[in-house]
C-alpha cells in the first residue's frame, strides 16, 4: 500500500458541471465539487475507472483539462491535472460556481 502524498494546495469548494472522458473513449457527465490549481474531485454518474487512468475533464465553459485519477471512492474521483491551472482562474471559477445544491445535466 502506497502512502498518500499531502496536497500541494488547498482545495476550494464549487459546483461545476463537467464531462469526463477516458482514454478509451468512455464518457460520462459529472460535477466537480472542489478544485485547486493542481487537481479536483469529480463525481460521475456511472463511469468505472481505475487509479492511474488518464482522463479529460471538460468543465462547462472551459477547454479540456487532462489528468490522472489518483483516488476513487464510490463514484467520486480525485484527479491530478497534467498542467496546473492559474490561481486566478481557480478563484474565478469558484466565484462563478459557488458550492450549493448539486445539479447534474444529462449528456446528449
Protein backbone atom coordinates (compact mmCIF):
# COMPACT_ATOMS: atom_id res chain seq x y z
CA UNK A 1 0.00 0.00 0.00
CA UNK A 2 1.50 3.36 -1.02
CA UNK A 3 1.48 6.42 1.17
CA UNK A 4 -0.83 9.28 0.27
CA UNK A 5 1.08 12.42 -0.60
CA UNK A 6 -0.02 15.67 1.05
CA UNK A 7 -1.82 18.16 -1.18
CA UNK A 8 0.22 20.95 -2.72
CA UNK A 9 -2.64 23.46 -2.43
CA UNK A 10 -5.88 23.80 -0.53
CA UNK A 11 -8.96 22.73 -2.45
CA UNK A 12 -11.77 25.27 -2.90
CA UNK A 13 -15.43 24.25 -2.95
CA UNK A 14 -17.62 24.80 -6.01
CA UNK A 15 -20.32 23.08 -8.08
CA UNK A 16 -19.25 22.91 -11.71
CA UNK A 17 -20.83 20.63 -14.32
CA UNK A 18 -18.26 18.77 -16.42
CA UNK A 19 -17.92 15.97 -18.93
CA UNK A 20 -15.40 13.24 -18.18
CA UNK A 21 -13.83 11.18 -20.98
CA UNK A 22 -11.46 8.26 -20.51
CA UNK A 23 -8.54 7.43 -22.79
CA UNK A 24 -10.56 4.55 -24.29
CA UNK A 25 -13.43 6.88 -25.26
CA UNK A 26 -15.93 6.28 -22.44
CA UNK A 27 -17.84 9.44 -21.49
CA UNK A 28 -19.95 10.46 -18.52
CA UNK A 29 -21.43 13.63 -17.12
CA UNK A 30 -20.31 14.73 -13.70
CA UNK A 31 -19.83 17.54 -11.28
CA UNK A 32 -16.61 18.99 -9.91
CA UNK A 33 -17.05 19.64 -6.19
CA UNK A 34 -13.66 21.01 -5.24
CA UNK A 35 -10.66 22.32 -7.14
CA UNK A 36 -7.13 23.62 -6.75
CA UNK A 37 -4.57 24.62 -9.38
CA UNK A 38 -3.26 21.03 -9.25
CA UNK A 39 -6.41 18.91 -9.26
CA UNK A 40 -10.04 18.39 -8.40
CA UNK A 41 -12.67 15.99 -7.15
CA UNK A 42 -15.35 14.96 -9.62
CA UNK A 43 -18.46 12.88 -9.03
CA UNK A 44 -19.60 10.95 -12.09
CA UNK A 45 -22.85 9.11 -12.74
CA UNK A 46 -21.69 5.65 -13.78
CA UNK A 47 -18.16 5.68 -15.23
CA UNK A 48 -15.92 2.99 -13.80
CA UNK A 49 -12.20 3.77 -13.89
CA UNK A 50 -9.08 2.65 -12.06
CA UNK A 51 -6.48 4.65 -10.19
CA UNK A 52 -3.88 5.71 -12.75
CA UNK A 53 -6.40 6.08 -15.59
CA UNK A 54 -5.86 9.04 -17.92
CA UNK A 55 -8.90 11.28 -18.39
CA UNK A 56 -10.01 14.54 -19.97
CA UNK A 57 -12.37 16.77 -17.98
CA UNK A 58 -14.33 19.39 -19.89
CA UNK A 59 -15.87 21.76 -17.34
CA UNK A 60 -18.73 23.95 -18.54
CA UNK A 61 -17.22 26.90 -20.42
CA UNK A 62 -13.59 25.69 -20.34
CA UNK A 63 -11.20 23.81 -22.58
CA UNK A 64 -10.44 20.19 -21.70
CA UNK A 65 -8.22 19.51 -18.69
CA UNK A 66 -6.12 16.36 -18.90
CA UNK A 67 -5.09 14.45 -15.83
CA UNK A 68 -4.66 11.20 -13.95
CA UNK A 69 -7.08 9.57 -11.49
CA UNK A 70 -5.27 9.44 -8.12
CA UNK A 71 -8.03 8.01 -5.90
CA UNK A 72 -11.55 6.62 -6.18
CA UNK A 73 -14.32 6.39 -3.57
CA UNK A 74 -17.60 5.09 -4.99
CA UNK A 75 -18.49 7.42 -7.86
CA UNK A 76 -16.04 10.15 -6.78
CA UNK A 77 -12.54 10.51 -8.21
CA UNK A 78 -9.58 12.66 -7.30
CA UNK A 79 -7.84 13.94 -10.43
CA UNK A 80 -4.35 15.42 -10.65
CA UNK A 81 -4.08 17.80 -13.62
CA UNK A 82 -1.20 17.38 -16.08
CA UNK A 83 -0.72 21.16 -16.15
CA UNK A 84 -1.51 23.40 -13.20
CA UNK A 85 -4.27 25.97 -13.55
CA UNK A 86 -3.52 29.64 -13.00
CA UNK A 87 -4.67 30.52 -9.43
CA UNK A 88 -6.86 33.48 -10.56
CA UNK A 89 -8.68 31.09 -12.94
CA UNK A 90 -9.47 28.80 -9.98
CA UNK A 91 -10.69 31.79 -7.95
CA UNK A 92 -12.86 32.98 -10.84
CA UNK A 93 -14.41 29.53 -11.31
CA UNK A 94 -15.20 29.33 -7.59
CA UNK A 95 -16.81 32.78 -7.64
CA UNK A 96 -18.96 31.84 -10.65
CA UNK A 97 -19.91 28.37 -9.42
CA UNK A 98 -20.36 28.69 -5.68
CA UNK A 99 -20.90 25.46 -3.75
CA UNK A 100 -24.59 24.85 -3.28
CA UNK A 101 -27.18 22.38 -4.42
CA UNK A 102 -25.80 19.61 -6.62
CA UNK A 103 -27.02 19.74 -10.21
CA UNK A 104 -26.34 17.16 -12.93
CA UNK A 105 -27.08 17.55 -16.60
CA UNK A 106 -27.79 14.71 -18.98
CA UNK A 107 -25.35 14.33 -21.85
CA UNK A 108 -26.78 14.29 -25.37
